[in-house]
Protein backbone atom coordinates (compact mmCIF):
# COMPACT_ATOMS: atom_id res chain seq x y z
CA MET A 1 43.28 -11.87 2.92
CA TRP A 2 40.81 -12.52 0.10
CA ARG A 3 40.17 -8.88 -0.55
CA TYR A 4 43.81 -8.53 -1.56
CA CYS A 5 43.69 -11.48 -3.96
CA ARG A 6 40.50 -10.80 -5.86
CA ARG A 7 42.08 -8.80 -8.66
CA MET A 8 45.32 -9.48 -10.40
CA GLY A 9 47.86 -6.70 -10.53
CA THR A 10 48.36 -4.57 -13.60
CA GLN A 11 51.70 -6.19 -14.40
CA LEU A 12 50.27 -9.73 -14.35
CA ARG A 13 47.26 -8.61 -16.39
CA HIS A 14 49.57 -7.19 -19.06
CA LEU A 15 51.84 -10.25 -19.04
CA LEU A 16 48.86 -12.55 -19.56
CA ALA A 17 47.54 -10.32 -22.35
CA PHE A 18 50.97 -10.40 -24.03
CA GLU A 19 51.13 -14.20 -23.85
CA VAL A 20 47.59 -14.66 -25.15
CA GLU A 21 48.13 -12.21 -28.00
CA GLY A 22 51.38 -13.93 -28.97
CA ALA A 23 49.68 -17.33 -28.94
CA ARG A 24 46.83 -15.94 -31.03
CA VAL A 25 49.20 -14.60 -33.67
CA HIS A 26 51.31 -17.78 -33.61
CA ALA A 27 48.16 -19.89 -34.17
CA GLY A 28 47.11 -17.69 -37.10
CA VAL A 29 43.75 -16.91 -35.50
CA SER A 30 42.32 -13.46 -36.10
CA PHE A 31 40.88 -11.34 -33.32
CA ALA A 32 37.38 -11.82 -34.77
CA GLN A 33 37.84 -15.60 -34.97
CA LEU A 34 39.08 -15.78 -31.39
CA SER A 35 36.13 -13.75 -30.19
CA ASP A 36 33.61 -15.80 -32.13
CA ARG A 37 35.04 -19.24 -31.30
CA SER A 38 35.73 -18.51 -27.63
CA GLY A 39 32.36 -16.91 -26.98
CA ILE A 40 34.01 -13.78 -25.58
CA ALA A 41 32.38 -10.63 -26.94
CA PRO A 42 34.71 -8.47 -29.05
CA ALA A 43 34.62 -5.55 -26.60
CA ALA A 44 35.34 -7.85 -23.65
CA LEU A 45 38.16 -9.58 -25.54
CA ALA A 46 39.67 -6.21 -26.42
CA ASP A 47 39.57 -5.22 -22.74
CA LEU A 48 41.37 -8.45 -21.83
CA LEU A 49 44.01 -8.17 -24.55
CA GLU A 50 44.68 -4.52 -23.76
CA GLY A 51 45.12 -5.26 -20.06
CA ARG A 52 42.08 -3.33 -18.87
CA GLU A 53 40.28 -6.35 -17.38
CA ASP A 54 41.33 -9.51 -15.55
CA PHE A 55 41.27 -12.87 -17.30
CA THR A 56 39.22 -15.56 -15.60
CA VAL A 57 40.14 -19.23 -15.66
CA VAL A 58 37.13 -19.75 -17.93
CA ASP A 59 38.40 -17.05 -20.33
CA LEU A 60 41.82 -18.69 -20.47
CA ALA A 61 40.32 -22.17 -20.96
CA CYS A 62 38.13 -20.99 -23.84
CA ILE A 63 40.99 -19.12 -25.48
CA ALA A 64 43.38 -22.06 -25.06
CA THR A 65 40.86 -24.40 -26.68
CA VAL A 66 40.47 -22.12 -29.70
CA LEU A 67 44.24 -21.72 -30.06
CA GLY A 68 44.93 -25.43 -29.60
CA VAL A 69 47.23 -24.96 -26.63
CA SER A 70 47.07 -25.81 -22.94
CA VAL A 71 45.99 -23.17 -20.46
CA THR A 72 49.43 -23.34 -18.89
CA ALA A 73 50.98 -22.40 -22.24
CA LEU A 74 49.25 -19.03 -21.91
CA LEU A 75 50.82 -18.26 -18.55
CA PRO A 76 53.81 -15.89 -18.41
CA GLY A 77 57.08 -17.79 -18.56
CA ALA A 78 55.43 -21.02 -19.71
CA ALA A 79 57.09 -21.11 -23.13
CA ALA A 80 60.55 -21.42 -21.59
CA ASP A 81 59.32 -24.15 -19.25
CA ASP A 82 57.52 -26.10 -22.00
CA ALA A 83 60.54 -26.16 -24.33
């Protein structure tokens, strides 16, 4: 079972990237600022935001802290639920 759950699917990866990018823009935080403040290297952050790599819970927690939102706010569909 675990071998099937280790990596998120492409669709989920892209949905998360879309939500994070939207939150970044909404917060007025530049890509460079997000990278610097979150501790995620620019190349690694680019891979995440372009859907090439999976987000970890730690990545999402660091990004959420920088953007001043909860981790759940970065999850697909969360904006409609939080309203």
